[in-house]
PDB file of N, CA and C in Angstrom:
ATOM      1  N   MET A   1      27.540  25.543  -3.932  1.00  0.00           N
ATOM      2  CA  MET A   1      27.704  24.247  -4.629  1.00  0.00           C
ATOM      3  C   MET A   1      26.321  23.769  -5.025  1.00  0.00           C
ATOM      4  N   THR A   2      26.213  23.262  -6.211  1.00  0.00           N
ATOM      5  CA  THR A   2      24.922  22.749  -6.723  1.00  0.00           C
ATOM      6  C   THR A   2      24.616  21.379  -6.115  1.00  0.00           C
ATOM      7  N   ARG A   3      23.416  20.961  -6.258  1.00  0.00           N
ATOM      8  CA  ARG A   3      23.029  19.650  -5.731  1.00  0.00           C
ATOM      9  C   ARG A   3      23.844  18.537  -6.386  1.00  0.00           C
ATOM     10  N   SER A   4      24.017  18.641  -7.696  1.00  0.00           N
ATOM     11  CA  SER A   4      24.744  17.573  -8.374  1.00  0.00           C
ATOM     12  C   SER A   4      26.232  17.605  -7.984  1.00  0.00           C
ATOM     13  N   GLY A   5      26.763  18.807  -7.721  1.00  0.00           N
ATOM     14  CA  GLY A   5      28.160  18.931  -7.259  1.00  0.00           C
ATOM     15  C   GLY A   5      28.347  18.316  -5.869  1.00  0.00           C
ATOM     16  N   ALA A   6      27.386  18.549  -4.993  1.00  0.00           N
ATOM     17  CA  ALA A   6      27.475  17.959  -3.669  1.00  0.00           C
ATOM     18  C   ALA A   6      27.338  16.436  -3.691  1.00  0.00           C
ATOM     19  N   ALA A   7      26.477  15.936  -4.549  1.00  0.00           N
ATOM     20  CA  ALA A   7      26.290  14.499  -4.685  1.00  0.00           C
ATOM     21  C   ALA A   7      27.582  13.850  -5.235  1.00  0.00           C
ATOM     22  N   ALA A   8      28.203  14.557  -6.180  1.00  0.00           N
ATOM     23  CA  ALA A   8      29.438  14.029  -6.763  1.00  0.00           C
ATOM     24  C   ALA A   8      30.572  14.023  -5.717  1.00  0.00           C
ATOM     25  N   THR A   9      30.593  15.054  -4.854  1.00  0.00           N
ATOM     26  CA  THR A   9      31.584  15.134  -3.771  1.00  0.00           C
ATOM     27  C   THR A   9      31.384  13.971  -2.787  1.00  0.00           C
ATOM     28  N   ARG A  10      30.137  13.742  -2.423  1.00  0.00           N
ATOM     29  CA  ARG A  10      29.849  12.612  -1.510  1.00  0.00           C
ATOM     30  C   ARG A  10      30.223  11.265  -2.109  1.00  0.00           C
ATOM     31  N   LYS A  11      29.972  11.131  -3.389  1.00  0.00           N
ATOM     32  CA  LYS A  11      30.318   9.860  -4.033  1.00  0.00           C
ATOM     33  C   LYS A  11      31.828   9.641  -4.054  1.00  0.00           C
ATOM     34  N   VAL A  12      32.579  10.721  -4.330  1.00  0.00           N
ATOM     35  CA  VAL A  12      34.050  10.616  -4.305  1.00  0.00           C
ATOM     36  C   VAL A  12      34.541  10.294  -2.929  1.00  0.00           C
ATOM     37  N   MET A  13      33.957  10.944  -1.917  1.00  0.00           N
ATOM     38  CA  MET A  13      34.356  10.670  -0.523  1.00  0.00           C
ATOM     39  C   MET A  13      34.086   9.241  -0.085  1.00  0.00           C
ATOM     40  N   ARG A  14      32.908   8.698  -0.475  1.00  0.00           N
ATOM     41  CA  ARG A  14      32.557   7.300  -0.166  1.00  0.00           C
ATOM     42  C   ARG A  14      33.551   6.367  -0.823  1.00  0.00           C
ATOM     43  N   LYS A  15      33.930   6.665  -2.048  1.00  0.00           N
ATOM     44  CA  LYS A  15      34.904   5.834  -2.755  1.00  0.00           C
ATOM     45  C   LYS A  15      36.241   5.835  -2.054  1.00  0.00           C
ATOM     46  N   LYS A  16      36.653   7.010  -1.625  1.00  0.00           N
ATOM     47  CA  LYS A  16      37.936   7.131  -0.915  1.00  0.00           C
ATOM     48  C   LYS A  16      37.948   6.391   0.435  1.00  0.00           C
ATOM     49  N   VAL A  17      36.826   6.476   1.153  1.00  0.00           N
ATOM     50  CA  VAL A  17      36.692   5.790   2.411  1.00  0.00           C
ATOM     51  C   VAL A  17      36.665   4.286   2.213  1.00  0.00           C
ATOM     52  N   ALA A  18      35.961   3.825   1.191  1.00  0.00           N
ATOM     53  CA  ALA A  18      35.940   2.375   0.885  1.00  0.00           C
ATOM     54  C   ALA A  18      37.324   1.918   0.498  1.00  0.00           C
ATOM     55  N   ASP A  19      38.024   2.714  -0.324  1.00  0.00           N
ATOM     56  CA  ASP A  19      39.349   2.356  -0.723  1.00  0.00           C
ATOM     57  C   ASP A  19      40.281   2.242   0.462  1.00  0.00           C
ATOM     58  N   ALA A  20      40.239   3.227   1.322  1.00  0.00           N
ATOM     59  CA  ALA A  20      41.069   3.205   2.541  1.00  0.00           C
ATOM     60  C   ALA A  20      40.757   1.976   3.411  1.00  0.00           C
ATOM     61  N   GLY A  21      39.488   1.671   3.544  1.00  0.00           N
ATOM     62  CA  GLY A  21      39.077   0.536   4.357  1.00  0.00           C
ATOM     63  C   GLY A  21      39.630  -0.798   3.782  1.00  0.00           C
ATOM     64  N   LEU A  22      39.502  -0.922   2.479  1.00  0.00           N
ATOM     65  CA  LEU A  22      40.032  -2.152   1.824  1.00  0.00           C
ATOM     66  C   LEU A  22      41.509  -2.222   1.895  1.00  0.00           C
ATOM     67  N   ARG A  23      42.157  -1.101   1.704  1.00  0.00           N
ATOM     68  CA  ARG A  23      43.657  -1.100   1.834  1.00  0.00           C
ATOM     69  C   ARG A  23      44.074  -1.485   3.217  1.00  0.00           C
ATOM     70  N   SER A  24      43.376  -0.980   4.214  1.00  0.00           N
ATOM     71  CA  SER A  24      43.671  -1.334   5.629  1.00  0.00           C
ATOM     72  C   SER A  24      43.516  -2.801   5.856  1.00  0.00           C
ATOM     73  N   ALA A  25      42.395  -3.319   5.366  1.00  0.00           N
ATOM     74  CA  ALA A  25      42.108  -4.755   5.528  1.00  0.00           C
ATOM     75  C   ALA A  25      43.202  -5.577   4.861  1.00  0.00           C
ATOM     76  N   GLY A  26      43.613  -5.163   3.642  1.00  0.00           N
ATOM     77  CA  GLY A  26      44.702  -5.858   2.928  1.00  0.00           C
ATOM     78  C   GLY A  26      45.984  -5.861   3.729  1.00  0.00           C
ATOM     79  N   VAL A  27      46.290  -4.715   4.316  1.00  0.00           N
ATOM     80  CA  VAL A  27      47.545  -4.614   5.087  1.00  0.00           C
ATOM     81  C   VAL A  27      47.498  -5.584   6.294  1.00  0.00           C
ATOM     82  N   LEU A  28      46.347  -5.615   6.991  1.00  0.00           N
ATOM     83  CA  LEU A  28      46.183  -6.509   8.112  1.00  0.00           C
ATOM     84  C   LEU A  28      46.277  -7.987   7.700  1.00  0.00           C
ATOM     85  N   ILE A  29      45.654  -8.346   6.595  1.00  0.00           N
ATOM     86  CA  ILE A  29      45.710  -9.725   6.127  1.00  0.00           C
ATOM     87  C   ILE A  29      47.182 -10.089   5.718  1.00  0.00           C
ATOM     88  N   ALA A  30      47.846  -9.187   5.048  1.00  0.00           N
ATOM     89  CA  ALA A  30      49.238  -9.430   4.667  1.00  0.00           C
ATOM     90  C   ALA A  30      50.136  -9.562   5.894  1.00  0.00           C
ATOM     91  N   ALA A  31      49.898  -8.689   6.881  1.00  0.00           N
ATOM     92  CA  ALA A  31      50.687  -8.736   8.100  1.00  0.00           C
ATOM     93  C   ALA A  31      50.472 -10.045   8.845  1.00  0.00           C
ATOM     94  N   SER A  32      49.250 -10.525   8.821  1.00  0.00           N
ATOM     95  CA  SER A  32      48.958 -11.828   9.432  1.00  0.00           C
ATOM     96  C   SER A  32      49.699 -12.948   8.712  1.00  0.00           C
ATOM     97  N   GLY A  33      49.711 -12.831   7.390  1.00  0.00           N
ATOM     98  CA  GLY A  33      50.479 -13.808   6.597  1.00  0.00           C
ATOM     99  C   GLY A  33      51.974 -13.816   6.902  1.00  0.00           C
ATOM    100  N   VAL A  34      52.550 -12.645   7.030  1.00  0.00           N
ATOM    101  CA  VAL A  34      53.960 -12.518   7.347  1.00  0.00           C
ATOM    102  C   VAL A  34      54.231 -13.058   8.780  1.00  0.00           C
ATOM    103  N   ALA A  35      53.287 -12.824   9.674  1.00  0.00           N
ATOM    104  CA  ALA A  35      53.422 -13.296  11.037  1.00  0.00           C
ATOM    105  C   ALA A  35      53.582 -14.849  11.112  1.00  0.00           C
ATOM    106  N   HIS A  36      53.014 -15.547  10.118  1.00  0.00           N
ATOM    107  CA  HIS A  36      53.128 -16.989  10.055  1.00  0.00           C
ATOM    108  C   HIS A  36      54.611 -17.416   9.974  1.00  0.00           C
ATOM    109  N   PHE A  37      55.434 -16.545   9.372  1.00  0.00           N
ATOM    110  CA  PHE A  37      56.849 -16.830   9.204  1.00  0.00           C
ATOM    111  C   PHE A  37      57.701 -16.267  10.358  1.00  0.00           C
ATOM    112  N   VAL A  38      57.214 -15.191  10.940  1.00  0.00           N
ATOM    113  CA  VAL A  38      57.968 -14.552  12.043  1.00  0.00           C
ATOM    114  C   VAL A  38      57.805 -15.320  13.360  1.00  0.00           C
ATOM    115  N   VAL A  39      56.597 -15.695  13.654  1.00  0.00           N
ATOM    116  CA  VAL A  39      56.307 -16.468  14.911  1.00  0.00           C
ATOM    117  C   VAL A  39      55.489 -17.709  14.573  1.00  0.00           C
ATOM    118  N   PRO A  40      56.095 -18.631  13.827  1.00  0.00           N
ATOM    119  CA  PRO A  40      55.344 -19.806  13.379  1.00  0.00           C
ATOM    120  C   PRO A  40      54.787 -20.652  14.537  1.00  0.00           C
ATOM    121  N   SER A  41      55.419 -20.651  15.692  1.00  0.00           N
ATOM    122  CA  SER A  41      54.964 -21.495  16.794  1.00  0.00           C
ATOM    123  C   SER A  41      53.553 -21.159  17.224  1.00  0.00           C
ATOM    124  N   VAL A  42      53.180 -19.876  17.137  1.00  0.00           N
ATOM    125  CA  VAL A  42      51.801 -19.471  17.505  1.00  0.00           C
ATOM    126  C   VAL A  42      50.806 -20.131  16.533  1.00  0.00           C
ATOM    127  N   PHE A  43      51.143 -20.054  15.275  1.00  0.00           N
ATOM    128  CA  PHE A  43      50.255 -20.582  14.246  1.00  0.00           C
ATOM    129  C   PHE A  43      50.241 -22.098  14.221  1.00  0.00           C
ATOM    130  N   VAL A  44      51.351 -22.735  14.555  1.00  0.00           N
ATOM    131  CA  VAL A  44      51.365 -24.192  14.661  1.00  0.00           C
ATOM    132  C   VAL A  44      50.450 -24.624  15.806  1.00  0.00           C
ATOM    133  N   PHE A  45      50.527 -23.909  16.932  1.00  0.00           N
ATOM    134  CA  PHE A  45      49.629 -24.219  18.050  1.00  0.00           C
ATOM    135  C   PHE A  45      48.163 -24.104  17.671  1.00  0.00           C
ATOM    136  N   ILE A  46      47.836 -23.026  16.966  1.00  0.00           N
ATOM    137  CA  ILE A  46      46.424 -22.775  16.555  1.00  0.00           C
ATOM    138  C   ILE A  46      45.987 -23.778  15.494  1.00  0.00           C
ATOM    139  N   SER A  47      46.881 -24.131  14.603  1.00  0.00           N
ATOM    140  CA  SER A  47      46.502 -24.901  13.392  1.00  0.00           C
ATOM    141  C   SER A  47      46.585 -26.401  13.570  1.00  0.00           C
ATOM    142  N   ARG A  48      47.194 -26.858  14.610  1.00  0.00           N
ATOM    143  CA  ARG A  48      47.496 -28.303  14.692  1.00  0.00           C
ATOM    144  C   ARG A  48      46.253 -29.177  14.606  1.00  0.00           C
ATOM    145  N   TRP A  49      45.108 -28.717  15.094  1.00  0.00           N
ATOM    146  CA  TRP A  49      43.889 -29.571  15.026  1.00  0.00           C
ATOM    147  C   TRP A  49      43.285 -29.533  13.630  1.00  0.00           C
ATOM    148  N   LEU A  50      43.488 -28.450  12.884  1.00  0.00           N
ATOM    149  CA  LEU A  50      42.973 -28.412  11.497  1.00  0.00           C
ATOM    150  C   LEU A  50      43.887 -29.116  10.489  1.00  0.00           C
ATOM    151  N   PHE A  51      45.163 -29.087  10.789  1.00  0.00           N
ATOM    152  CA  PHE A  51      46.171 -29.678   9.907  1.00  0.00           C
ATOM    153  C   PHE A  51      47.059 -30.612  10.755  1.00  0.00           C
ATOM    154  N   PRO A  52      46.550 -31.733  11.160  1.00  0.00           N
ATOM    155  CA  PRO A  52      47.342 -32.623  12.016  1.00  0.00           C
ATOM    156  C   PRO A  52      48.563 -33.238  11.323  1.00  0.00           C
ATOM    157  N   LYS A  53      48.486 -33.361  10.023  1.00  0.00           N
ATOM    158  CA  LYS A  53      49.638 -33.914   9.249  1.00  0.00           C
ATOM    159  C   LYS A  53      50.450 -32.780   8.686  1.00  0.00           C
ATOM    160  N   ASP A  54      51.720 -32.704   9.013  1.00  0.00           N
ATOM    161  CA  ASP A  54      52.651 -31.731   8.494  1.00  0.00           C
ATOM    162  C   ASP A  54      52.160 -30.291   8.757  1.00  0.00           C
ATOM    163  N   THR A  55      51.875 -30.041  10.026  1.00  0.00           N
ATOM    164  CA  THR A  55      51.311 -28.748  10.418  1.00  0.00           C
ATOM    165  C   THR A  55      52.227 -27.571  10.051  1.00  0.00           C
ATOM    166  N   LYS A  56      53.524 -27.726  10.251  1.00  0.00           N
ATOM    167  CA  LYS A  56      54.468 -26.620   9.981  1.00  0.00           C
ATOM    168  C   LYS A  56      54.415 -26.222   8.492  1.00  0.00           C
ATOM    169  N   THR A  57      54.367 -27.193   7.644  1.00  0.00           N
ATOM    170  CA  THR A  57      54.289 -26.868   6.197  1.00  0.00           C
ATOM    171  C   THR A  57      52.997 -26.154   5.881  1.00  0.00           C
ATOM    172  N   MET A  58      51.885 -26.621   6.474  1.00  0.00           N
ATOM    173  CA  MET A  58      50.598 -25.984   6.200  1.00  0.00           C
ATOM    174  C   MET A  58      50.590 -24.560   6.746  1.00  0.00           C
ATOM    175  N   VAL A  59      51.216 -24.308   7.850  1.00  0.00           N
ATOM    176  CA  VAL A  59      51.335 -22.941   8.389  1.00  0.00           C
ATOM    177  C   VAL A  59      52.090 -22.036   7.393  1.00  0.00           C
ATOM    178  N   GLN A  60      53.132 -22.561   6.794  1.00  0.00           N
ATOM    179  CA  GLN A  60      53.860 -21.792   5.811  1.00  0.00           C
ATOM    180  C   GLN A  60      53.052 -21.507   4.574  1.00  0.00           C
ATOM    181  N   ILE A  61      52.346 -22.529   4.094  1.00  0.00           N
ATOM    182  CA  ILE A  61      51.494 -22.379   2.923  1.00  0.00           C
ATOM    183  C   ILE A  61      50.378 -21.347   3.226  1.00  0.00           C
ATOM    184  N   ASN A  62      49.755 -21.445   4.374  1.00  0.00           N
ATOM    185  CA  ASN A  62      48.689 -20.497   4.728  1.00  0.00           C
ATOM    186  C   ASN A  62      49.257 -19.084   4.898  1.00  0.00           C
ATOM    187  N   GLY A  63      50.460 -18.987   5.462  1.00  0.00           N
ATOM    188  CA  GLY A  63      51.097 -17.665   5.561  1.00  0.00           C
ATOM    189  C   GLY A  63      51.333 -17.041   4.218  1.00  0.00           C
ATOM    190  N   ALA A  64      51.842 -17.822   3.306  1.00  0.00           N
ATOM    191  CA  ALA A  64      52.096 -17.320   1.933  1.00  0.00           C
ATOM    192  C   ALA A  64      50.815 -16.926   1.254  1.00  0.00           C
ATOM    193  N   ALA A  65      49.767 -17.706   1.457  1.00  0.00           N
ATOM    194  CA  ALA A  65      48.436 -17.409   0.853  1.00  0.00           C
ATOM    195  C   ALA A  65      47.899 -16.102   1.428  1.00  0.00           C
ATOM    196  N   GLU A  66      47.935 -15.915   2.733  1.00  0.00           N
ATOM    197  CA  GLU A  66      47.409 -14.713   3.355  1.00  0.00           C
ATOM    198  C   GLU A  66      48.272 -13.516   2.965  1.00  0.00           C
ATOM    199  N   THR A  67      49.541 -13.652   2.852  1.00  0.00           N
ATOM    200  CA  THR A  67      50.364 -12.516   2.374  1.00  0.00           C
ATOM    201  C   THR A  67      50.017 -12.121   1.010  1.00  0.00           C
ATOM    202  N   ALA A  68      49.884 -13.093   0.096  1.00  0.00           N
ATOM    203  CA  ALA A  68      49.557 -12.771  -1.309  1.00  0.00           C
ATOM    204  C   ALA A  68      48.158 -12.164  -1.421  1.00  0.00           C
ATOM    205  N   ILE A  69      47.165 -12.720  -0.664  1.00  0.00           N
ATOM    206  CA  ILE A  69      45.832 -12.180  -0.693  1.00  0.00           C
ATOM    207  C   ILE A  69      45.841 -10.722  -0.209  1.00  0.00           C
ATOM    208  N   GLY A  70      46.505 -10.504   0.892  1.00  0.00           N
ATOM    209  CA  GLY A  70      46.529  -9.141   1.504  1.00  0.00           C
ATOM    210  C   GLY A  70      47.153  -8.118   0.553  1.00  0.00           C
ATOM    211  N   VAL A  71      48.277  -8.507  -0.089  1.00  0.00           N
ATOM    212  CA  VAL A  71      48.945  -7.586  -1.033  1.00  0.00           C
ATOM    213  C   VAL A  71      48.046  -7.320  -2.230  1.00  0.00           C
ATOM    214  N   ALA A  72      47.357  -8.340  -2.675  1.00  0.00           N
ATOM    215  CA  ALA A  72      46.435  -8.160  -3.821  1.00  0.00           C
ATOM    216  C   ALA A  72      45.284  -7.228  -3.436  1.00  0.00           C
ATOM    217  N   ILE A  73      44.779  -7.296  -2.227  1.00  0.00           N
ATOM    218  CA  ILE A  73      43.671  -6.414  -1.829  1.00  0.00           C
ATOM    219  C   ILE A  73      44.184  -4.978  -1.672  1.00  0.00           C
ATOM    220  N   VAL A  74      45.389  -4.772  -1.239  1.00  0.00           N
ATOM    221  CA  VAL A  74      45.939  -3.431  -1.101  1.00  0.00           C
ATOM    222  C   VAL A  74      45.997  -2.687  -2.471  1.00  0.00           C
ATOM    223  N   ASN A  75      46.372  -3.388  -3.479  1.00  0.00           N
ATOM    224  CA  ASN A  75      46.549  -2.806  -4.805  1.00  0.00           C
ATOM    225  C   ASN A  75      45.171  -2.757  -5.539  1.00  0.00           C
ATOM    226  N   ARG A  76      44.741  -1.558  -5.927  1.00  0.00           N
ATOM    227  CA  ARG A  76      43.470  -1.431  -6.622  1.00  0.00           C
ATOM    228  C   ARG A  76      43.358  -2.282  -7.889  1.00  0.00           C
ATOM    229  N   ARG A  77      44.421  -2.419  -8.631  1.00  0.00           N
ATOM    230  CA  ARG A  77      44.365  -3.152  -9.874  1.00  0.00           C
ATOM    231  C   ARG A  77      44.142  -4.646  -9.666  1.00  0.00           C
ATOM    232  N   THR A  78      44.572  -5.158  -8.531  1.00  0.00           N
ATOM    233  CA  THR A  78      44.443  -6.635  -8.269  1.00  0.00           C
ATOM    234  C   THR A  78      43.439  -6.908  -7.154  1.00  0.00           C
ATOM    235  N   ARG A  79      42.720  -5.882  -6.722  1.00  0.00           N
ATOM    236  CA  ARG A  79      41.820  -6.046  -5.569  1.00  0.00           C
ATOM    237  C   ARG A  79      40.754  -7.083  -5.775  1.00  0.00           C
ATOM    238  N   VAL A  80      40.126  -7.095  -6.985  1.00  0.00           N
ATOM    239  CA  VAL A  80      39.080  -8.104  -7.221  1.00  0.00           C
ATOM    240  C   VAL A  80      39.621  -9.512  -7.094  1.00  0.00           C
ATOM    241  N   TRP A  81      40.821  -9.726  -7.640  1.00  0.00           N
ATOM    242  CA  TRP A  81      41.452 -11.076  -7.504  1.00  0.00           C
ATOM    243  C   TRP A  81      41.797 -11.382  -6.050  1.00  0.00           C
ATOM    244  N   GLY A  82      42.182 -10.364  -5.328  1.00  0.00           N
ATOM    245  CA  GLY A  82      42.460 -10.594  -3.898  1.00  0.00           C
ATOM    246  C   GLY A  82      41.235 -10.941  -3.132  1.00  0.00           C
ATOM    247  N   ILE A  83      40.112 -10.276  -3.405  1.00  0.00           N
ATOM    248  CA  ILE A  83      38.870 -10.579  -2.727  1.00  0.00           C
ATOM    249  C   ILE A  83      38.378 -11.963  -3.108  1.00  0.00           C
ATOM    250  N   LEU A  84      38.496 -12.299  -4.384  1.00  0.00           N
ATOM    251  CA  LEU A  84      38.120 -13.671  -4.774  1.00  0.00           C
ATOM    252  C   LEU A  84      38.993 -14.701  -4.105  1.00  0.00           C
ATOM    253  N   GLY A  85      40.284 -14.418  -4.003  1.00  0.00           N
ATOM    254  CA  GLY A  85      41.181 -15.303  -3.287  1.00  0.00           C
ATOM    255  C   GLY A  85      40.827 -15.435  -1.814  1.00  0.00           C
ATOM    256  N   LEU A  86      40.458 -14.327  -1.195  1.00  0.00           N
ATOM    257  CA  LEU A  86      40.030 -14.364   0.182  1.00  0.00           C
ATOM    258  C   LEU A  86      38.787 -15.206   0.356  1.00  0.00           C
ATOM    259  N   LEU A  87      37.825 -15.076  -0.525  1.00  0.00           N
ATOM    260  CA  LEU A  87      36.623 -15.876  -0.438  1.00  0.00           C
ATOM    261  C   LEU A  87      36.932 -17.374  -0.604  1.00  0.00           C
ATOM    262  N   GLY A  88      37.852 -17.695  -1.555  1.00  0.00           N
ATOM    263  CA  GLY A  88      38.239 -19.072  -1.737  1.00  0.00           C
ATOM    264  C   GLY A  88      38.959 -19.621  -0.514  1.00  0.00           C
ATOM    265  N   TYR A  89      39.822 -18.810   0.004  1.00  0.00           N
ATOM    266  CA  TYR A  89      40.621 -19.189   1.204  1.00  0.00           C
ATOM    267  C   TYR A  89      39.694 -19.411   2.416  1.00  0.00           C
ATOM    268  N   ALA A  90      38.729 -18.528   2.571  1.00  0.00           N
ATOM    269  CA  ALA A  90      37.765 -18.698   3.677  1.00  0.00           C
ATOM    270  C   ALA A  90      36.932 -19.965   3.512  1.00  0.00           C
ATOM    271  N   ALA A  91      36.554 -20.266   2.272  1.00  0.00           N
ATOM    272  CA  ALA A  91      35.813 -21.508   2.002  1.00  0.00           C
ATOM    273  C   ALA A  91      36.660 -22.705   2.316  1.00  0.00           C
ATOM    274  N   TYR A  92      37.939 -22.685   1.918  1.00  0.00           N
ATOM    275  CA  TYR A  92      38.878 -23.787   2.205  1.00  0.00           C
ATOM    276  C   TYR A  92      39.020 -23.992   3.690  1.00  0.00           C
ATOM    277  N   LEU A  93      39.265 -22.921   4.461  1.00  0.00           N
ATOM    278  CA  LEU A  93      39.413 -23.078   5.902  1.00  0.00           C
ATOM    279  C   LEU A  93      38.092 -23.529   6.550  1.00  0.00           C
ATOM    280  N   GLY A  94      36.951 -22.965   6.075  1.00  0.00           N
ATOM    281  CA  GLY A  94      35.654 -23.408   6.596  1.00  0.00           C
ATOM    282  C   GLY A  94      35.432 -24.906   6.364  1.00  0.00           C
ATOM    283  N   ASP A  95      35.815 -25.359   5.209  1.00  0.00           N
ATOM    284  CA  ASP A  95      35.705 -26.801   4.905  1.00  0.00           C
ATOM    285  C   ASP A  95      36.563 -27.646   5.871  1.00  0.00           C
ATOM    286  N   ARG A  96      37.751 -27.177   6.160  1.00  0.00           N
ATOM    287  CA  ARG A  96      38.625 -27.883   7.085  1.00  0.00           C
ATOM    288  C   ARG A  96      37.978 -27.951   8.481  1.00  0.00           C
ATOM    289  N   VAL A  97      37.391 -26.879   8.921  1.00  0.00           N
ATOM    290  CA  VAL A  97      36.744 -26.832  10.233  1.00  0.00           C
ATOM    291  C   VAL A  97      35.574 -27.808  10.266  1.00  0.00           C
ATOM    292  N   VAL A  98      34.726 -27.775   9.250  1.00  0.00           N
ATOM    293  CA  VAL A  98      33.595 -28.679   9.213  1.00  0.00           C
ATOM    294  C   VAL A  98      34.046 -30.119   9.206  1.00  0.00           C
ATOM    295  N   ARG A  99      35.054 -30.441   8.410  1.00  0.00           N
ATOM    296  CA  ARG A  99      35.559 -31.841   8.392  1.00  0.00           C
ATOM    297  C   ARG A  99      36.121 -32.241   9.719  1.00  0.00           C
ATOM    298  N   ASP A 100      36.772 -31.348  10.395  1.00  0.00           N
ATOM    299  CA  ASP A 100      37.340 -31.666  11.721  1.00  0.00           C
ATOM    300  C   ASP A 100      36.200 -31.922  12.724  1.00  0.00           C
ATOM    301  N   VAL A 101      35.174 -31.078  12.699  1.00  0.00           N
ATOM    302  CA  VAL A 101      34.043 -31.235  13.621  1.00  0.00           C
ATOM    303  C   VAL A 101      33.375 -32.590  13.375  1.00  0.00           C
ATOM    304  N   ILE A 102      33.140 -32.894  12.090  1.00  0.00           N
ATOM    305  CA  ILE A 102      32.533 -34.191  11.777  1.00  0.00           C
ATOM    306  C   ILE A 102      33.394 -35.311  12.259  1.00  0.00           C
ATOM    307  N   ARG A 103      34.695 -35.213  12.073  1.00  0.00           N
ATOM    308  CA  ARG A 103      35.644 -36.277  12.518  1.00  0.00           C
ATOM    309  C   ARG A 103      35.556 -36.434  14.057  1.00  0.00           C
ATOM    310  N   ARG A 104      35.504 -35.287  14.756  1.00  0.00           N
ATOM    311  CA  ARG A 104      35.500 -35.326  16.203  1.00  0.00           C
ATOM    312  C   ARG A 104      34.227 -35.908  16.782  1.00  0.00           C
ATOM    313  N   ILE A 105      33.115 -35.614  16.178  1.00  0.00           N
ATOM    314  CA  ILE A 105      31.844 -36.107  16.714  1.00  0.00           C
ATOM    315  C   ILE A 105      31.479 -37.504  16.225  1.00  0.00           C
ATOM    316  N   GLY A 106      32.309 -37.999  15.255  1.00  0.00           N
ATOM    317  CA  GLY A 106      32.130 -39.362  14.830  1.00  0.00           C
ATOM    318  C   GLY A 106      31.019 -39.623  13.870  1.00  0.00           C
ATOM    319  N   VAL A 107      30.687 -38.669  13.033  1.00  0.00           N
ATOM    320  CA  VAL A 107      29.665 -38.906  12.007  1.00  0.00           C
ATOM    321  C   VAL A 107      30.277 -39.723  10.898  1.00  0.00           C
ATOM    322  N   SER A 108      29.621 -40.864  10.584  1.00  0.00           N
ATOM    323  CA  SER A 108      30.174 -41.756   9.558  1.00  0.00           C
ATOM    324  C   SER A 108      29.681 -41.310   8.199  1.00  0.00           C
ATOM    325  N   ARG A 109      30.475 -41.632   7.171  1.00  0.00           N
ATOM    326  CA  ARG A 109      30.077 -41.354   5.770  1.00  0.00           C
ATOM    327  C   ARG A 109      29.232 -42.518   5.280  1.00  0.00           C
ATOM    328  N   ARG A 110      28.290 -42.147   4.480  1.00  0.00           N
ATOM    329  CA  ARG A 110      27.433 -43.235   3.896  1.00  0.00           C
ATOM    330  C   ARG A 110      27.541 -43.216   2.393  1.00  0.00           C
TER     331      ARG A 110
END
């Protein structure tokens, strides 16, 4: 095998490994989303401090979001949208955590 042939083979293998990793991550995210509907009590317990008002509805919304994001990441054609959705979802949850911490320590708005 020539040098360029070996390099091309390595490039293809890296792409396949990356694809498999992203697909696996997508499946895990989607499974987590489905779990929100299968065992909602676990997620209500975890989420109640982030979403004190209408926690059950927020658990369902988050479950739907995670399911959709995971499915989008699994599919190569929609993967970029799935990753963008995941980044937005992470920013949204991060914002909720920061707001809750601020509320708990009593920092006033000016």
